[in-house]
Amino acid sequence: MKQGEYMRLQERDYLEGLTEKEQEKYREILEEEKRRAGGFGRVYMFREYPKAVRHCLSLFPNNYLDINNLQNEELLKEKNQEFSKIISDNECIERNITKYINKNDGFHIIGSILKCGGYNFGHHDAFLFPEFQLGSSMRPDYLLIGKSSGGYEFIFVELESVYGRITTKDGQLGECFHKGIYQVKDWSRWLQANYDSLFGKFKELKNREECLPEEFIEYDESRMHYVVVAGRRSDFNDLTYRIARESFLKENIKLLHYDNLIDFSNSIVGELSY
């Protein structure tokens, strides 16, 4: 399920466009929108568009986080329970987590960071890119892109160990968090110096009918955000949470534990957007 160097979120390649049947259904809905508007503007029925239409209309059709999926409450709750079981296994490693998310369409788990992680973008549009390559040697586990009225912003996500040297006894950050922080700082430095090189990669993935907005062409540090996930809630104490707050305020690096992801993914079930 690879798209060049990148994984698309669905088996289908939506860059190939719509089938005739999907086009016909889309035309019918557009006519219904006009009818309902009664000659005054247009009534949008986006949620009633066929799934393929919603993808194909988006900026990145193969990486679109479909908001309609959030309404499939029973399925999402089941996936969240499965994710929680994986996290609760003392032998769980980071690769088990990405494998589950990528193979079982659990992308809402990472997408939930947009709505629940303290960010104010993603409710207009949201996209997810697993294993997004930076340069020749850096590969963030996930790149989240969200849009608000202020445009697009980017979250680079690093998943570290669930168990191990997460924090020290007094609550200071341990080896796992330090490793993740070093990693995202390397990404930040690379982006500052090489952001223009991503243009070709974004162009390969975008909707062929759309132009890339300026946010994908010109580097803007204020649009770049970083998340490191490691450990469990039990690894955090008051000092750890203080360090996490300071990291977010001073370095724009959000430190989360995996129980946060469980809580976040449960919170967005039934929501109208990311």
Protein backbone atom coordinates (compact mmCIF):
# COMPACT_ATOMS: atom_id res chain seq x y z
CA MET A 1 0.00 0.00 0.00
CA LYS A 2 2.76 2.39 -1.02
CA GLN A 3 2.49 5.59 -2.99
CA GLY A 4 6.03 6.40 -4.07
CA GLU A 5 7.84 6.69 -0.77
CA TYR A 6 4.60 7.26 1.12
CA MET A 7 1.74 5.16 2.32
CA ARG A 8 -1.75 6.15 1.29
CA LEU A 9 -4.50 5.64 3.81
CA GLN A 10 -6.75 3.49 1.62
CA GLU A 11 -6.19 0.60 -0.78
CA ARG A 12 -7.75 2.62 -3.57
CA ASP A 13 -5.70 5.25 -5.39
CA TYR A 14 -8.00 8.26 -5.41
CA LEU A 15 -5.61 10.20 -7.65
CA GLU A 16 -7.05 8.10 -10.49
CA GLY A 17 -10.35 9.94 -10.08
CA LEU A 18 -13.99 8.91 -9.96
CA THR A 19 -15.83 6.10 -11.69
CA GLU A 20 -18.71 6.96 -14.03
CA LYS A 21 -21.21 5.83 -11.40
CA GLU A 22 -19.61 8.09 -8.77
CA GLN A 23 -19.60 11.01 -11.19
CA GLU A 24 -23.28 10.46 -11.90
CA LYS A 25 -24.14 10.34 -8.20
CA TYR A 26 -22.11 13.50 -7.61
CA ARG A 27 -23.98 15.33 -10.37
CA GLU A 28 -27.29 14.28 -8.84
CA ILE A 29 -26.27 15.67 -5.45
CA LEU A 30 -25.09 18.94 -7.01
CA GLU A 31 -28.49 19.32 -8.65
CA GLU A 32 -30.17 18.61 -5.32
CA GLU A 33 -28.02 21.27 -3.67
CA LYS A 34 -29.24 23.82 -6.22
CA ARG A 35 -32.85 22.69 -5.80
CA ARG A 36 -32.72 23.06 -2.03
CA ALA A 37 -31.15 26.51 -2.36
CA GLY A 38 -34.16 27.63 -4.40
CA GLY A 39 -32.08 29.88 -6.62
CA PHE A 40 -30.34 31.62 -3.73
CA GLY A 41 -26.71 30.49 -3.58
CA ARG A 42 -26.12 26.86 -2.77
CA VAL A 43 -26.89 24.38 -0.01
CA TYR A 44 -23.87 22.19 0.57
CA MET A 45 -24.51 18.48 1.15
CA PHE A 46 -20.87 17.49 1.56
CA ARG A 47 -21.55 14.69 4.02
CA GLU A 48 -23.88 13.06 1.50
CA TYR A 49 -21.25 12.98 -1.23
CA PRO A 50 -19.93 9.49 -2.06
CA LYS A 51 -16.79 8.68 -0.12
CA ALA A 52 -14.67 8.79 -3.29
CA VAL A 53 -15.97 12.28 -4.08
CA ARG A 54 -14.99 13.58 -0.65
CA HIS A 55 -11.49 12.20 -1.16
CA CYS A 56 -11.12 13.37 -4.75
CA LEU A 57 -12.20 16.90 -3.91
CA SER A 58 -9.58 17.22 -1.17
CA LEU A 59 -6.07 18.64 -1.55
CA PHE A 60 -4.47 15.23 -0.90
CA PRO A 61 -7.01 12.58 -1.98
CA ASN A 62 -5.06 9.55 -0.75
CA ASN A 63 -4.27 11.05 2.65
CA TYR A 64 -7.55 12.72 3.52
CA LEU A 65 -8.93 12.06 7.01
CA ASP A 66 -12.61 11.62 6.16
CA ILE A 67 -14.76 13.35 8.77
CA ASN A 68 -17.66 11.00 8.00
CA ASN A 69 -15.65 8.15 9.51
CA LEU A 70 -16.01 9.79 12.91
CA GLN A 71 -19.73 8.99 12.81
CA ASN A 72 -19.08 5.24 12.63
CA GLU A 73 -19.14 5.12 16.41
CA GLU A 74 -19.33 1.38 17.05
CA LEU A 75 -16.43 0.63 14.71
CA LEU A 76 -14.26 3.38 16.18
CA LYS A 77 -14.97 2.23 19.73
CA GLU A 78 -13.96 -1.29 18.74
CA LYS A 79 -10.71 -0.04 17.21
CA ASN A 80 -10.01 2.07 20.28
CA GLN A 81 -10.48 -0.96 22.54
CA GLU A 82 -8.10 -2.99 20.39
CA PHE A 83 -5.56 -0.18 20.52
CA SER A 84 -5.88 -0.01 24.30
CA LYS A 85 -5.22 -3.76 24.56
CA ILE A 86 -2.09 -3.44 22.44
CA ILE A 87 -0.80 -0.60 24.60
CA SER A 88 -1.49 -2.61 27.76
CA ASP A 89 0.76 -5.47 26.66
CA ASN A 90 4.05 -5.10 28.55
CA GLU A 91 5.87 -6.45 25.49
CA CYS A 92 4.42 -3.76 23.22
CA ILE A 93 6.95 -1.83 21.15
CA GLU A 94 6.55 1.18 18.90
CA ARG A 95 6.40 -0.98 15.78
CA ASN A 96 3.37 -2.86 17.14
CA ILE A 97 1.56 0.45 17.41
CA THR A 98 2.28 1.77 13.91
CA LYS A 99 1.53 -1.67 12.46
CA TYR A 100 -1.88 -1.76 14.11
CA ILE A 101 -2.79 1.78 13.08
CA ASN A 102 -1.61 1.39 9.48
CA LYS A 103 -3.01 -2.09 8.85
CA ASN A 104 -6.34 -1.62 10.60
CA ASP A 105 -7.37 1.85 9.42
CA GLY A 106 -6.80 3.29 12.87
CA PHE A 107 -5.68 6.66 11.54
CA HIS A 108 -8.20 8.52 13.67
CA ILE A 109 -5.98 7.64 16.66
CA ILE A 110 -3.22 9.89 15.36
CA GLY A 111 -5.70 12.33 13.84
CA SER A 112 -7.22 12.86 17.28
CA ILE A 113 -4.11 14.85 18.24
CA LEU A 114 -5.46 17.69 16.10
CA LYS A 115 -8.67 18.13 18.08
CA CYS A 116 -7.56 17.03 21.53
CA GLY A 117 -3.88 17.97 21.65
CA GLY A 118 -4.36 21.67 22.16
CA TYR A 119 -4.19 22.72 18.50
CA ASN A 120 -6.73 25.01 16.84
CA PHE A 121 -6.45 23.76 13.27
CA GLY A 122 -7.71 20.69 11.44
CA HIS A 123 -11.43 21.39 11.65
CA HIS A 124 -11.52 22.71 8.07
CA ASP A 125 -9.46 19.89 6.58
CA ALA A 126 -7.15 17.18 7.89
CA PHE A 127 -4.59 14.90 6.26
CA LEU A 128 -2.25 12.19 7.52
CA PHE A 129 0.97 10.91 5.97
CA PRO A 130 2.55 7.83 7.57
CA GLU A 131 6.34 7.58 7.38
CA PHE A 132 6.82 10.89 5.60
CA GLN A 133 10.41 11.05 4.38
CA LEU A 134 12.58 14.05 5.22
CA GLY A 135 15.85 13.99 3.33
CA SER A 136 17.64 10.68 3.01
CA SER A 137 17.63 9.44 6.59
CA MET A 138 14.77 10.99 8.59
CA ARG A 139 11.29 9.51 8.55
CA PRO A 140 8.73 10.83 11.07
CA ASP A 141 6.21 8.18 12.06
CA TYR A 142 3.41 10.51 10.98
CA LEU A 143 2.90 13.93 9.47
CA LEU A 144 -0.45 15.50 10.33
CA ILE A 145 -1.62 18.47 8.30
CA GLY A 146 -4.60 20.48 9.43
CA LYS A 147 -6.36 23.54 8.07
CA SER A 148 -8.16 26.37 9.82
CA SER A 149 -9.20 29.81 8.65
CA GLY A 150 -5.53 30.76 9.04
CA GLY A 151 -4.38 28.15 6.53
CA TYR A 152 -2.50 24.88 6.85
CA GLU A 153 -0.25 23.84 9.74
CA PHE A 154 1.92 20.79 10.23
CA ILE A 155 2.49 18.35 13.11
CA PHE A 156 5.38 15.90 12.93
CA VAL A 157 4.80 12.95 15.25
CA GLU A 158 7.42 10.67 16.79
CA LEU A 159 6.28 7.52 18.60
CA GLU A 160 8.71 6.17 21.18
CA SER A 161 8.59 3.22 23.56
CA VAL A 162 5.54 2.43 25.63
CA TYR A 163 7.63 0.80 28.36
CA GLY A 164 11.22 1.32 29.40
CA ARG A 165 13.21 4.34 30.49
CA ILE A 166 10.40 6.84 30.13
CA THR A 167 10.99 9.02 33.19
CA THR A 168 13.21 8.92 36.25
CA LYS A 169 11.93 8.26 39.76
CA ASP A 170 11.58 11.96 40.48
CA GLY A 171 9.73 12.65 37.24
CA GLN A 172 12.50 13.98 35.02
CA LEU A 173 12.45 12.88 31.39
CA GLY A 174 14.15 9.56 30.73
CA GLU A 175 16.06 8.13 27.81
CA CYS A 176 12.99 7.48 25.64
CA PHE A 177 11.75 11.06 25.75
CA HIS A 178 15.24 12.47 25.28
CA LYS A 179 15.69 10.32 22.21
CA GLY A 180 12.40 11.53 20.76
CA ILE A 181 13.17 15.18 21.50
CA TYR A 182 16.58 14.93 19.85
CA GLN A 183 14.86 13.39 16.84
CA VAL A 184 12.25 16.10 16.37
CA LYS A 185 14.87 18.82 16.84
CA ASP A 186 16.80 17.24 13.98
CA TRP A 187 13.62 17.43 11.88
CA SER A 188 13.16 21.09 12.79
CA ARG A 189 16.69 21.98 11.74
CA TRP A 190 16.31 20.04 8.50
CA LEU A 191 13.01 21.75 7.67
CA GLN A 192 14.47 25.21 8.22
CA ALA A 193 17.29 24.49 5.77
CA ASN A 194 15.54 22.24 3.23
CA TYR A 195 11.82 22.98 3.26
CA ASP A 196 11.79 23.94 -0.41
CA SER A 197 12.86 20.39 -1.30
CA LEU A 198 9.47 19.09 -0.08
CA PHE A 199 7.63 20.91 -2.86
CA GLY A 200 8.11 18.06 -5.33
CA LYS A 201 6.93 15.49 -2.78
CA PHE A 202 3.79 17.42 -1.92
CA LYS A 203 3.16 17.99 -5.63
CA GLU A 204 3.32 14.24 -6.25
CA LEU A 205 0.66 13.63 -3.61
CA LYS A 206 -1.72 16.51 -4.25
CA ASN A 207 -4.97 16.67 -6.16
CA ARG A 208 -4.00 17.17 -9.81
CA GLU A 209 -6.69 19.82 -10.17
CA GLU A 210 -5.41 21.91 -7.26
CA CYS A 211 -2.43 24.21 -6.74
CA LEU A 212 -0.35 23.91 -3.60
CA PRO A 213 -1.04 26.75 -1.16
CA GLU A 214 1.83 28.96 -0.08
CA GLU A 215 2.15 27.10 3.23
CA PHE A 216 3.59 24.11 1.32
CA ILE A 217 6.11 26.24 -0.55
CA GLU A 218 7.44 28.84 1.90
CA TYR A 219 8.82 27.75 5.28
CA ASP A 220 6.97 29.34 8.20
CA GLU A 221 8.26 28.22 11.58
CA SER A 222 5.02 29.25 13.28
CA ARG A 223 3.19 26.55 11.27
CA MET A 224 5.51 23.71 12.34
CA HIS A 225 4.67 21.65 15.42
CA TYR A 226 6.16 18.53 16.98
CA VAL A 227 4.80 15.72 19.15
CA VAL A 228 6.68 12.99 21.01
CA VAL A 229 4.66 10.14 22.53
CA ALA A 230 6.19 7.75 25.08
CA GLY A 231 5.23 5.80 28.17
CA ARG A 232 2.00 5.54 30.12
CA ARG A 233 0.12 7.89 32.41
CA SER A 234 1.75 6.17 35.40
CA ASP A 235 5.17 7.39 34.21
CA PHE A 236 4.12 11.04 34.66
CA ASN A 237 4.02 12.98 37.92
CA ASP A 238 3.62 16.70 38.66
CA LEU A 239 7.19 17.47 37.63
CA THR A 240 6.82 15.56 34.36
CA TYR A 241 3.67 17.48 33.47
CA ARG A 242 5.44 20.75 34.27
CA ILE A 243 8.34 19.79 32.01
CA ALA A 244 5.83 18.88 29.30
CA ARG A 245 4.14 22.29 29.58
CA GLU A 246 7.49 24.05 29.41
CA SER A 247 8.51 21.99 26.38
CA PHE A 248 5.33 23.01 24.57
CA LEU A 249 5.62 26.69 25.42
CA LYS A 250 9.36 27.12 24.89
CA GLU A 251 10.19 24.63 22.12
CA ASN A 252 6.81 23.85 20.53
CA ILE A 253 7.32 20.17 21.32
CA LYS A 254 4.30 18.49 22.88
CA LEU A 255 5.10 15.52 25.13
CA LEU A 256 2.31 12.95 25.41
CA HIS A 257 1.90 9.48 26.87
CA TYR A 258 -0.03 6.69 25.16
CA ASP A 259 -2.95 6.98 27.53
CA ASN A 260 -3.42 10.46 26.03
CA LEU A 261 -3.90 8.83 22.63
CA ILE A 262 -6.45 6.42 24.11
CA ASP A 263 -8.35 9.33 25.68
CA PHE A 264 -8.10 11.46 22.54
CA SER A 265 -9.32 8.70 20.21
CA ASN A 266 -12.31 8.05 22.48
CA SER A 267 -13.11 11.76 22.64
CA ILE A 268 -13.44 12.27 18.89
CA VAL A 269 -15.94 9.42 18.37
CA GLY A 270 -19.08 11.01 16.96
CA GLU A 271 -17.48 14.44 16.48
CA LEU A 272 -18.19 16.48 13.35
CA SER A 273 -14.56 17.24 12.51
CA TYR A 274 -10.97 16.73 13.61
